[in-house]
PDB file of N, CA and C in Angstrom:
ATOM      1  N   MET A   1       0.812  -1.177  -0.012  1.00  0.00           N
ATOM      2  CA  MET A   1      -0.045   0.018  -0.032  1.00  0.00           C
ATOM      3  C   MET A   1       0.889   1.258   0.009  1.00  0.00           C
ATOM      4  N   ILE A   2       0.475   2.267  -0.683  1.00  0.00           N
ATOM      5  CA  ILE A   2       1.225   3.520  -0.790  1.00  0.00           C
ATOM      6  C   ILE A   2       0.757   4.493   0.270  1.00  0.00           C
ATOM      7  N   THR A   3       1.724   5.173   0.810  1.00  0.00           N
ATOM      8  CA  THR A   3       1.493   6.260   1.774  1.00  0.00           C
ATOM      9  C   THR A   3       1.560   7.582   1.014  1.00  0.00           C
ATOM     10  N   VAL A   4       0.554   8.352   1.018  1.00  0.00           N
ATOM     11  CA  VAL A   4       0.510   9.601   0.329  1.00  0.00           C
ATOM     12  C   VAL A   4       0.587  10.807   1.304  1.00  0.00           C
ATOM     13  N   THR A   5       1.532  11.755   1.126  1.00  0.00           N
ATOM     14  CA  THR A   5       1.646  12.870   1.900  1.00  0.00           C
ATOM     15  C   THR A   5       1.624  14.114   0.965  1.00  0.00           C
ATOM     16  N   VAL A   6       0.742  15.058   1.213  1.00  0.00           N
ATOM     17  CA  VAL A   6       0.685  16.245   0.464  1.00  0.00           C
ATOM     18  C   VAL A   6       0.990  17.368   1.504  1.00  0.00           C
ATOM     19  N   VAL A   7       2.102  18.109   1.194  1.00  0.00           N
ATOM     20  CA  VAL A   7       2.562  19.148   2.103  1.00  0.00           C
ATOM     21  C   VAL A   7       2.267  20.531   1.521  1.00  0.00           C
ATOM     22  N   PRO A   8       1.502  21.334   2.272  1.00  0.00           N
ATOM     23  CA  PRO A   8       1.226  22.675   1.824  1.00  0.00           C
ATOM     24  C   PRO A   8       2.485  23.525   2.179  1.00  0.00           C
ATOM     25  N   ILE A   9       3.036  24.251   1.195  1.00  0.00           N
ATOM     26  CA  ILE A   9       4.187  25.134   1.393  1.00  0.00           C
ATOM     27  C   ILE A   9       3.630  26.511   1.562  1.00  0.00           C
ATOM     28  N   MET A  10       3.657  27.024   2.745  1.00  0.00           N
ATOM     29  CA  MET A  10       3.083  28.387   3.074  1.00  0.00           C
ATOM     30  C   MET A  10       4.029  29.412   2.599  1.00  0.00           C
ATOM     31  N   GLU A  11       3.467  30.504   2.056  1.00  0.00           N
ATOM     32  CA  GLU A  11       4.224  31.663   1.673  1.00  0.00           C
ATOM     33  C   GLU A  11       4.410  32.583   2.893  1.00  0.00           C
ATOM     34  N   THR A  12       5.553  33.091   3.002  1.00  0.00           N
ATOM     35  CA  THR A  12       5.864  34.046   4.034  1.00  0.00           C
ATOM     36  C   THR A  12       5.950  35.448   3.555  1.00  0.00           C
ATOM     37  N   ASP A  13       5.519  35.663   2.372  1.00  0.00           N
ATOM     38  CA  ASP A  13       5.550  37.000   1.751  1.00  0.00           C
ATOM     39  C   ASP A  13       4.547  37.914   2.492  1.00  0.00           C
ATOM     40  N   PRO A  14       4.954  39.036   3.008  1.00  0.00           N
ATOM     41  CA  PRO A  14       4.019  39.884   3.692  1.00  0.00           C
ATOM     42  C   PRO A  14       3.120  40.736   2.804  1.00  0.00           C
ATOM     43  N   ARG A  15       3.162  40.529   1.529  1.00  0.00           N
ATOM     44  CA  ARG A  15       2.421  41.334   0.568  1.00  0.00           C
ATOM     45  C   ARG A  15       0.927  41.289   0.889  1.00  0.00           C
ATOM     46  N   PRO A  16       0.261  40.167   1.027  1.00  0.00           N
ATOM     47  CA  PRO A  16      -1.143  40.225   1.351  1.00  0.00           C
ATOM     48  C   PRO A  16      -1.321  40.641   2.814  1.00  0.00           C
ATOM     49  N   ALA A  17      -2.397  41.261   3.099  1.00  0.00           N
ATOM     50  CA  ALA A  17      -2.760  41.674   4.470  1.00  0.00           C
ATOM     51  C   ALA A  17      -2.741  40.418   5.360  1.00  0.00           C
ATOM     52  N   PRO A  18      -2.335  40.564   6.577  1.00  0.00           N
ATOM     53  CA  PRO A  18      -2.358  39.380   7.486  1.00  0.00           C
ATOM     54  C   PRO A  18      -3.607  38.550   7.516  1.00  0.00           C
ATOM     55  N   PRO A  19      -4.868  39.156   7.523  1.00  0.00           N
ATOM     56  CA  PRO A  19      -6.044  38.264   7.461  1.00  0.00           C
ATOM     57  C   PRO A  19      -6.149  37.514   6.223  1.00  0.00           C
ATOM     58  N   LEU A  20      -5.785  38.106   5.074  1.00  0.00           N
ATOM     59  CA  LEU A  20      -5.847  37.448   3.820  1.00  0.00           C
ATOM     60  C   LEU A  20      -4.820  36.377   3.722  1.00  0.00           C
ATOM     61  N   SER A  21      -3.594  36.566   4.231  1.00  0.00           N
ATOM     62  CA  SER A  21      -2.558  35.573   4.290  1.00  0.00           C
ATOM     63  C   SER A  21      -3.033  34.369   5.094  1.00  0.00           C
ATOM     64  N   LYS A  22      -3.627  34.645   6.237  1.00  0.00           N
ATOM     65  CA  LYS A  22      -4.130  33.575   7.096  1.00  0.00           C
ATOM     66  C   LYS A  22      -5.184  32.770   6.365  1.00  0.00           C
ATOM     67  N   LEU A  23      -6.074  33.416   5.694  1.00  0.00           N
ATOM     68  CA  LEU A  23      -7.108  32.734   4.937  1.00  0.00           C
ATOM     69  C   LEU A  23      -6.539  31.855   3.793  1.00  0.00           C
ATOM     70  N   MET A  24      -5.548  32.420   3.088  1.00  0.00           N
ATOM     71  CA  MET A  24      -4.954  31.713   1.978  1.00  0.00           C
ATOM     72  C   MET A  24      -4.219  30.468   2.466  1.00  0.00           C
ATOM     73  N   ASN A  25      -3.534  30.625   3.639  1.00  0.00           N
ATOM     74  CA  ASN A  25      -2.797  29.444   4.180  1.00  0.00           C
ATOM     75  C   ASN A  25      -3.749  28.383   4.697  1.00  0.00           C
ATOM     76  N   GLU A  26      -4.872  28.758   5.275  1.00  0.00           N
ATOM     77  CA  GLU A  26      -5.871  27.817   5.729  1.00  0.00           C
ATOM     78  C   GLU A  26      -6.499  27.109   4.492  1.00  0.00           C
ATOM     79  N   ARG A  27      -6.717  27.871   3.459  1.00  0.00           N
ATOM     80  CA  ARG A  27      -7.234  27.299   2.226  1.00  0.00           C
ATOM     81  C   ARG A  27      -6.294  26.277   1.629  1.00  0.00           C
ATOM     82  N   LEU A  28      -5.039  26.662   1.586  1.00  0.00           N
ATOM     83  CA  LEU A  28      -4.015  25.769   1.050  1.00  0.00           C
ATOM     84  C   LEU A  28      -3.907  24.462   1.819  1.00  0.00           C
ATOM     85  N   THR A  29      -3.998  24.575   3.164  1.00  0.00           N
ATOM     86  CA  THR A  29      -3.956  23.414   4.033  1.00  0.00           C
ATOM     87  C   THR A  29      -5.131  22.496   3.764  1.00  0.00           C
ATOM     88  N   GLY A  30      -6.331  23.030   3.594  1.00  0.00           N
ATOM     89  CA  GLY A  30      -7.529  22.311   3.236  1.00  0.00           C
ATOM     90  C   GLY A  30      -7.383  21.628   1.846  1.00  0.00           C
ATOM     91  N   MET A  31      -6.806  22.296   0.896  1.00  0.00           N
ATOM     92  CA  MET A  31      -6.634  21.704  -0.417  1.00  0.00           C
ATOM     93  C   MET A  31      -5.611  20.561  -0.350  1.00  0.00           C
ATOM     94  N   ALA A  32      -4.588  20.702   0.518  1.00  0.00           N
ATOM     95  CA  ALA A  32      -3.598  19.642   0.604  1.00  0.00           C
ATOM     96  C   ALA A  32      -4.243  18.388   1.258  1.00  0.00           C
ATOM     97  N   SER A  33      -5.064  18.570   2.232  1.00  0.00           N
ATOM     98  CA  SER A  33      -5.769  17.494   2.842  1.00  0.00           C
ATOM     99  C   SER A  33      -6.709  16.811   1.839  1.00  0.00           C
ATOM    100  N   SER A  34      -7.424  17.564   1.082  1.00  0.00           N
ATOM    101  CA  SER A  34      -8.334  17.026   0.093  1.00  0.00           C
ATOM    102  C   SER A  34      -7.584  16.242  -0.962  1.00  0.00           C
ATOM    103  N   LEU A  35      -6.468  16.845  -1.472  1.00  0.00           N
ATOM    104  CA  LEU A  35      -5.725  16.158  -2.533  1.00  0.00           C
ATOM    105  C   LEU A  35      -5.095  14.850  -1.959  1.00  0.00           C
ATOM    106  N   GLN A  36      -4.601  14.893  -0.761  1.00  0.00           N
ATOM    107  CA  GLN A  36      -4.037  13.652  -0.135  1.00  0.00           C
ATOM    108  C   GLN A  36      -5.111  12.607  -0.053  1.00  0.00           C
ATOM    109  N   THR A  37      -6.330  12.909   0.322  1.00  0.00           N
ATOM    110  CA  THR A  37      -7.406  11.891   0.383  1.00  0.00           C
ATOM    111  C   THR A  37      -7.706  11.370  -0.971  1.00  0.00           C
ATOM    112  N   SER A  38      -7.831  12.221  -2.001  1.00  0.00           N
ATOM    113  CA  SER A  38      -8.225  11.732  -3.324  1.00  0.00           C
ATOM    114  C   SER A  38      -7.071  10.871  -3.981  1.00  0.00           C
ATOM    115  N   LEU A  39      -5.798  11.278  -3.687  1.00  0.00           N
ATOM    116  CA  LEU A  39      -4.717  10.527  -4.219  1.00  0.00           C
ATOM    117  C   LEU A  39      -4.606   9.192  -3.503  1.00  0.00           C
ATOM    118  N   SER A  40      -4.863   9.112  -2.216  1.00  0.00           N
ATOM    119  CA  SER A  40      -4.858   7.853  -1.468  1.00  0.00           C
ATOM    120  C   SER A  40      -5.855   6.922  -2.038  1.00  0.00           C
ATOM    121  N   LYS A  41      -7.060   7.426  -2.335  1.00  0.00           N
ATOM    122  CA  LYS A  41      -8.126   6.554  -2.891  1.00  0.00           C
ATOM    123  C   LYS A  41      -7.716   6.104  -4.316  1.00  0.00           C
ATOM    124  N   ALA A  42      -7.212   7.012  -5.101  1.00  0.00           N
ATOM    125  CA  ALA A  42      -6.847   6.662  -6.500  1.00  0.00           C
ATOM    126  C   ALA A  42      -5.728   5.658  -6.627  1.00  0.00           C
ATOM    127  N   LEU A  43      -4.757   5.735  -5.627  1.00  0.00           N
ATOM    128  CA  LEU A  43      -3.603   4.903  -5.662  1.00  0.00           C
ATOM    129  C   LEU A  43      -3.639   3.730  -4.653  1.00  0.00           C
ATOM    130  N   ASN A  44      -4.770   3.428  -4.099  1.00  0.00           N
ATOM    131  CA  ASN A  44      -4.817   2.460  -3.075  1.00  0.00           C
ATOM    132  C   ASN A  44      -4.487   1.052  -3.527  1.00  0.00           C
ATOM    133  N   GLU A  45      -4.510   0.711  -4.804  1.00  0.00           N
ATOM    134  CA  GLU A  45      -4.181  -0.609  -5.241  1.00  0.00           C
ATOM    135  C   GLU A  45      -2.680  -0.719  -5.696  1.00  0.00           C
ATOM    136  N   ASN A  46      -1.966   0.391  -5.653  1.00  0.00           N
ATOM    137  CA  ASN A  46      -0.586   0.351  -6.030  1.00  0.00           C
ATOM    138  C   ASN A  46       0.260  -0.335  -4.916  1.00  0.00           C
ATOM    139  N   LYS A  47       0.901  -1.386  -5.302  1.00  0.00           N
ATOM    140  CA  LYS A  47       1.689  -2.119  -4.255  1.00  0.00           C
ATOM    141  C   LYS A  47       3.159  -1.970  -4.460  1.00  0.00           C
ATOM    142  N   GLY A  48       3.655  -1.215  -5.398  1.00  0.00           N
ATOM    143  CA  GLY A  48       5.066  -1.136  -5.726  1.00  0.00           C
ATOM    144  C   GLY A  48       5.820  -0.087  -4.905  1.00  0.00           C
ATOM    145  N   TYR A  49       5.182   0.839  -4.273  1.00  0.00           N
ATOM    146  CA  TYR A  49       5.887   1.907  -3.623  1.00  0.00           C
ATOM    147  C   TYR A  49       5.333   2.128  -2.205  1.00  0.00           C
ATOM    148  N   ASP A  50       6.214   2.626  -1.362  1.00  0.00           N
ATOM    149  CA  ASP A  50       5.810   2.899   0.025  1.00  0.00           C
ATOM    150  C   ASP A  50       5.278   4.273   0.235  1.00  0.00           C
ATOM    151  N   ASP A  51       5.781   5.250  -0.536  1.00  0.00           N
ATOM    152  CA  ASP A  51       5.306   6.581  -0.256  1.00  0.00           C
ATOM    153  C   ASP A  51       5.395   7.461  -1.481  1.00  0.00           C
ATOM    154  N   LEU A  52       4.573   8.538  -1.426  1.00  0.00           N
ATOM    155  CA  LEU A  52       4.490   9.608  -2.399  1.00  0.00           C
ATOM    156  C   LEU A  52       4.438  10.927  -1.657  1.00  0.00           C
ATOM    157  N   VAL A  53       5.286  11.839  -1.974  1.00  0.00           N
ATOM    158  CA  VAL A  53       5.301  13.117  -1.332  1.00  0.00           C
ATOM    159  C   VAL A  53       5.062  14.182  -2.402  1.00  0.00           C
ATOM    160  N   VAL A  54       4.049  15.002  -2.155  1.00  0.00           N
ATOM    161  CA  VAL A  54       3.688  16.045  -3.157  1.00  0.00           C
ATOM    162  C   VAL A  54       3.680  17.412  -2.397  1.00  0.00           C
ATOM    163  N   TYR A  55       4.357  18.408  -2.978  1.00  0.00           N
ATOM    164  CA  TYR A  55       4.275  19.780  -2.438  1.00  0.00           C
ATOM    165  C   TYR A  55       3.257  20.508  -3.204  1.00  0.00           C
ATOM    166  N   ILE A  56       2.430  21.384  -2.506  1.00  0.00           N
ATOM    167  CA  ILE A  56       1.557  22.327  -3.157  1.00  0.00           C
ATOM    168  C   ILE A  56       1.762  23.720  -2.591  1.00  0.00           C
ATOM    169  N   SER A  57       1.660  24.692  -3.373  1.00  0.00           N
ATOM    170  CA  SER A  57       1.872  26.106  -2.976  1.00  0.00           C
ATOM    171  C   SER A  57       1.144  26.972  -3.950  1.00  0.00           C
ATOM    172  N   TYR A  58       1.171  28.269  -3.657  1.00  0.00           N
ATOM    173  CA  TYR A  58       0.666  29.266  -4.565  1.00  0.00           C
ATOM    174  C   TYR A  58       1.793  29.831  -5.413  1.00  0.00           C
ATOM    175  N   ASN A  59       1.544  30.135  -6.649  1.00  0.00           N
ATOM    176  CA  ASN A  59       2.509  30.932  -7.402  1.00  0.00           C
ATOM    177  C   ASN A  59       2.269  32.395  -7.203  1.00  0.00           C
ATOM    178  N   SER A  60       3.016  33.221  -7.913  1.00  0.00           N
ATOM    179  CA  SER A  60       2.810  34.657  -7.736  1.00  0.00           C
ATOM    180  C   SER A  60       1.451  35.228  -8.120  1.00  0.00           C
ATOM    181  N   LYS A  61       0.800  34.425  -8.875  1.00  0.00           N
ATOM    182  CA  LYS A  61      -0.615  34.838  -9.308  1.00  0.00           C
ATOM    183  C   LYS A  61      -1.709  34.103  -8.488  1.00  0.00           C
ATOM    184  N   TYR A  62      -1.324  33.458  -7.365  1.00  0.00           N
ATOM    185  CA  TYR A  62      -2.193  32.740  -6.538  1.00  0.00           C
ATOM    186  C   TYR A  62      -2.892  31.512  -7.165  1.00  0.00           C
ATOM    187  N   THR A  63      -2.161  31.007  -8.190  1.00  0.00           N
ATOM    188  CA  THR A  63      -2.646  29.719  -8.761  1.00  0.00           C
ATOM    189  C   THR A  63      -1.979  28.598  -7.966  1.00  0.00           C
ATOM    190  N   VAL A  64      -2.680  27.541  -7.693  1.00  0.00           N
ATOM    191  CA  VAL A  64      -2.033  26.456  -6.938  1.00  0.00           C
ATOM    192  C   VAL A  64      -1.176  25.643  -7.853  1.00  0.00           C
ATOM    193  N   ARG A  65       0.057  25.398  -7.437  1.00  0.00           N
ATOM    194  CA  ARG A  65       0.998  24.635  -8.172  1.00  0.00           C
ATOM    195  C   ARG A  65       1.394  23.416  -7.341  1.00  0.00           C
ATOM    196  N   TRP A  66       1.902  22.362  -8.041  1.00  0.00           N
ATOM    197  CA  TRP A  66       2.265  21.142  -7.358  1.00  0.00           C
ATOM    198  C   TRP A  66       3.538  20.558  -7.954  1.00  0.00           C
ATOM    199  N   LYS A  67       4.203  19.733  -7.170  1.00  0.00           N
ATOM    200  CA  LYS A  67       5.323  18.951  -7.679  1.00  0.00           C
ATOM    201  C   LYS A  67       5.466  17.757  -6.776  1.00  0.00           C
ATOM    202  N   ILE A  68       5.983  16.662  -7.374  1.00  0.00           N
ATOM    203  CA  ILE A  68       6.310  15.417  -6.652  1.00  0.00           C
ATOM    204  C   ILE A  68       7.788  15.568  -6.265  1.00  0.00           C
ATOM    205  N   VAL A  69       8.072  15.279  -4.976  1.00  0.00           N
ATOM    206  CA  VAL A  69       9.416  15.525  -4.479  1.00  0.00           C
ATOM    207  C   VAL A  69      10.226  14.222  -4.205  1.00  0.00           C
ATOM    208  N   ASN A  70       9.632  13.062  -4.577  1.00  0.00           N
ATOM    209  CA  ASN A  70      10.397  11.811  -4.373  1.00  0.00           C
ATOM    210  C   ASN A  70      10.256  10.986  -5.642  1.00  0.00           C
ATOM    211  N   ASP A  71      11.029   9.941  -5.762  1.00  0.00           N
ATOM    212  CA  ASP A  71      11.050   9.109  -6.941  1.00  0.00           C
ATOM    213  C   ASP A  71       9.853   8.176  -6.878  1.00  0.00           C
ATOM    214  N   VAL A  72       9.021   8.208  -7.896  1.00  0.00           N
ATOM    215  CA  VAL A  72       7.909   7.270  -8.012  1.00  0.00           C
ATOM    216  C   VAL A  72       7.775   6.802  -9.496  1.00  0.00           C
ATOM    217  N   SER A  73       6.957   5.867  -9.773  1.00  0.00           N
ATOM    218  CA  SER A  73       6.792   5.290 -11.092  1.00  0.00           C
ATOM    219  C   SER A  73       6.101   6.340 -11.988  1.00  0.00           C
ATOM    220  N   LEU A  74       6.220   6.129 -13.280  1.00  0.00           N
ATOM    221  CA  LEU A  74       5.474   6.960 -14.213  1.00  0.00           C
ATOM    222  C   LEU A  74       3.996   6.862 -14.083  1.00  0.00           C
ATOM    223  N   ASP A  75       3.514   5.707 -13.694  1.00  0.00           N
ATOM    224  CA  ASP A  75       2.031   5.522 -13.492  1.00  0.00           C
ATOM    225  C   ASP A  75       1.546   6.405 -12.364  1.00  0.00           C
ATOM    226  N   ILE A  76       2.327   6.491 -11.257  1.00  0.00           N
ATOM    227  CA  ILE A  76       1.941   7.293 -10.161  1.00  0.00           C
ATOM    228  C   ILE A  76       2.002   8.730 -10.526  1.00  0.00           C
ATOM    229  N   GLU A  77       3.083   9.155 -11.233  1.00  0.00           N
ATOM    230  CA  GLU A  77       3.229  10.520 -11.625  1.00  0.00           C
ATOM    231  C   GLU A  77       2.069  10.960 -12.513  1.00  0.00           C
ATOM    232  N   SER A  78       1.693  10.039 -13.434  1.00  0.00           N
ATOM    233  CA  SER A  78       0.600  10.336 -14.299  1.00  0.00           C
ATOM    234  C   SER A  78      -0.722  10.505 -13.508  1.00  0.00           C
ATOM    235  N   GLU A  79      -0.938   9.678 -12.573  1.00  0.00           N
ATOM    236  CA  GLU A  79      -2.171   9.738 -11.740  1.00  0.00           C
ATOM    237  C   GLU A  79      -2.188  11.077 -10.968  1.00  0.00           C
ATOM    238  N   VAL A  80      -1.101  11.426 -10.433  1.00  0.00           N
ATOM    239  CA  VAL A  80      -1.005  12.707  -9.662  1.00  0.00           C
ATOM    240  C   VAL A  80      -1.325  13.860 -10.602  1.00  0.00           C
ATOM    241  N   ALA A  81      -0.704  13.852 -11.764  1.00  0.00           N
ATOM    242  CA  ALA A  81      -0.969  14.939 -12.772  1.00  0.00           C
ATOM    243  C   ALA A  81      -2.434  14.948 -13.158  1.00  0.00           C
ATOM    244  N   LYS A  82      -3.077  13.881 -13.376  1.00  0.00           N
ATOM    245  CA  LYS A  82      -4.486  13.853 -13.728  1.00  0.00           C
ATOM    246  C   LYS A  82      -5.336  14.449 -12.654  1.00  0.00           C
ATOM    247  N   GLN A  83      -5.050  14.021 -11.362  1.00  0.00           N
ATOM    248  CA  GLN A  83      -5.870  14.524 -10.232  1.00  0.00           C
ATOM    249  C   GLN A  83      -5.646  16.050 -10.035  1.00  0.00           C
ATOM    250  N   CYS A  84      -4.418  16.471 -10.203  1.00  0.00           N
ATOM    251  CA  CYS A  84      -4.119  17.944 -10.037  1.00  0.00           C
ATOM    252  C   CYS A  84      -4.779  18.700 -11.208  1.00  0.00           C
ATOM    253  N   ALA A  85      -4.685  18.164 -12.402  1.00  0.00           N
ATOM    254  CA  ALA A  85      -5.329  18.902 -13.531  1.00  0.00           C
ATOM    255  C   ALA A  85      -6.819  19.046 -13.352  1.00  0.00           C
ATOM    256  N   LYS A  86      -7.449  17.978 -12.844  1.00  0.00           N
ATOM    257  CA  LYS A  86      -8.920  18.111 -12.571  1.00  0.00           C
ATOM    258  C   LYS A  86      -9.241  19.215 -11.618  1.00  0.00           C
ATOM    259  N   LEU A  87      -8.370  19.472 -10.693  1.00  0.00           N
ATOM    260  CA  LEU A  87      -8.522  20.540  -9.663  1.00  0.00           C
ATOM    261  C   LEU A  87      -8.050  21.875 -10.123  1.00  0.00           C
ATOM    262  N   GLY A  88      -7.463  21.955 -11.311  1.00  0.00           N
ATOM    263  CA  GLY A  88      -7.010  23.238 -11.877  1.00  0.00           C
ATOM    264  C   GLY A  88      -5.641  23.624 -11.387  1.00  0.00           C
ATOM    265  N   TYR A  89      -4.895  22.737 -10.783  1.00  0.00           N
ATOM    266  CA  TYR A  89      -3.557  22.979 -10.293  1.00  0.00           C
ATOM    267  C   TYR A  89      -2.517  22.891 -11.425  1.00  0.00           C
ATOM    268  N   ILE A  90      -1.495  23.616 -11.366  1.00  0.00           N
ATOM    269  CA  ILE A  90      -0.533  23.615 -12.444  1.00  0.00           C
ATOM    270  C   ILE A  90       0.720  22.986 -11.950  1.00  0.00           C
ATOM    271  N   LEU A  91       1.582  22.466 -12.820  1.00  0.00           N
ATOM    272  CA  LEU A  91       2.842  21.888 -12.443  1.00  0.00           C
ATOM    273  C   LEU A  91       3.791  22.985 -12.044  1.00  0.00           C
ATOM    274  N   TRP A  92       4.503  22.741 -10.990  1.00  0.00           N
ATOM    275  CA  TRP A  92       5.447  23.733 -10.373  1.00  0.00           C
ATOM    276  C   TRP A  92       6.491  24.072 -11.453  1.00  0.00           C
ATOM    277  N   LYS A  93       6.616  25.346 -11.801  1.00  0.00           N
ATOM    278  CA  LYS A  93       7.545  25.711 -12.822  1.00  0.00           C
ATOM    279  C   LYS A  93       8.970  25.280 -12.401  1.00  0.00           C
ATOM    280  N   GLY A  94       9.695  24.691 -13.294  1.00  0.00           N
ATOM    281  CA  GLY A  94      11.040  24.224 -13.056  1.00  0.00           C
ATOM    282  C   GLY A  94      11.043  22.793 -12.596  1.00  0.00           C
ATOM    283  N   SER A  95       9.902  22.165 -12.446  1.00  0.00           N
ATOM    284  CA  SER A  95       9.907  20.720 -12.098  1.00  0.00           C
ATOM    285  C   SER A  95      10.368  19.943 -13.284  1.00  0.00           C
ATOM    286  N   GLU A  96      11.233  18.972 -12.984  1.00  0.00           N
ATOM    287  CA  GLU A  96      11.782  18.188 -14.074  1.00  0.00           C
ATOM    288  C   GLU A  96      11.300  16.720 -13.961  1.00  0.00           C
ATOM    289  N   ILE A  97      10.021  16.589 -13.558  1.00  0.00           N
ATOM    290  CA  ILE A  97       9.564  15.205 -13.336  1.00  0.00           C
ATOM    291  C   ILE A  97       9.466  14.520 -14.730  1.00  0.00           C
ATOM    292  N   TYR A  98       8.695  15.054 -15.584  1.00  0.00           N
ATOM    293  CA  TYR A  98       8.517  14.493 -16.978  1.00  0.00           C
ATOM    294  C   TYR A  98       7.708  15.534 -17.731  1.00  0.00           C
ATOM    295  N   ASN A  99       7.577  15.262 -18.969  1.00  0.00           N
ATOM    296  CA  ASN A  99       6.889  16.214 -19.847  1.00  0.00           C
ATOM    297  C   ASN A  99       5.650  15.516 -20.479  1.00  0.00           C
ATOM    298  N   PHE A 100       4.463  15.799 -19.964  1.00  0.00           N
ATOM    299  CA  PHE A 100       3.276  15.203 -20.492  1.00  0.00           C
ATOM    300  C   PHE A 100       2.990  15.526 -21.894  1.00  0.00           C
ATOM    301  N   LYS A 101       3.233  16.830 -22.201  1.00  0.00           N
ATOM    302  CA  LYS A 101       2.898  17.260 -23.621  1.00  0.00           C
ATOM    303  C   LYS A 101       3.719  16.491 -24.648  1.00  0.00           C
ATOM    304  N   SER A 102       4.965  16.184 -24.326  1.00  0.00           N
ATOM    305  CA  SER A 102       5.735  15.424 -25.318  1.00  0.00           C
ATOM    306  C   SER A 102       5.227  14.023 -25.448  1.00  0.00           C
ATOM    307  N   ARG A 103       4.593  13.472 -24.486  1.00  0.00           N
ATOM    308  CA  ARG A 103       4.033  12.112 -24.488  1.00  0.00           C
ATOM    309  C   ARG A 103       2.563  12.131 -24.992  1.00  0.00           C
ATOM    310  N   GLY A 104       1.952  13.365 -25.163  1.00  0.00           N
ATOM    311  CA  GLY A 104       0.654  13.361 -25.618  1.00  0.00           C
ATOM    312  C   GLY A 104      -0.449  13.001 -24.582  1.00  0.00           C
ATOM    313  N   GLU A 105      -0.117  13.232 -23.282  1.00  0.00           N
ATOM    314  CA  GLU A 105      -1.079  12.767 -22.293  1.00  0.00           C
ATOM    315  C   GLU A 105      -1.987  13.931 -21.801  1.00  0.00           C
ATOM    316  N   PHE A 106      -1.676  15.145 -22.218  1.00  0.00           N
ATOM    317  CA  PHE A 106      -2.549  16.210 -21.745  1.00  0.00           C
ATOM    318  C   PHE A 106      -3.407  16.697 -22.872  1.00  0.00           C
TER     319      PHE A 106
END
């Protein structure tokens, strides 16, 4: 069975007002929990790996971005990408995991 961990990376930028920053961080924490639950359900039959770690954060335009931070199979990467795409999350810029467009999967 695979252990899925989704870690919200909180921004420490003081640009938004403190109440807005608190709201955005709470929202990000909720999205991380929700993504972790959906990925756990989607990957529950995978027996080849012990863990999956995904970071999510906001980019400068407050779009949620994601990246996988450990080595996993292409099948798991593909499932994470599909789940994140359904939620409107974008791949973390600079992530070198793989390129879906070149493989025709997006």
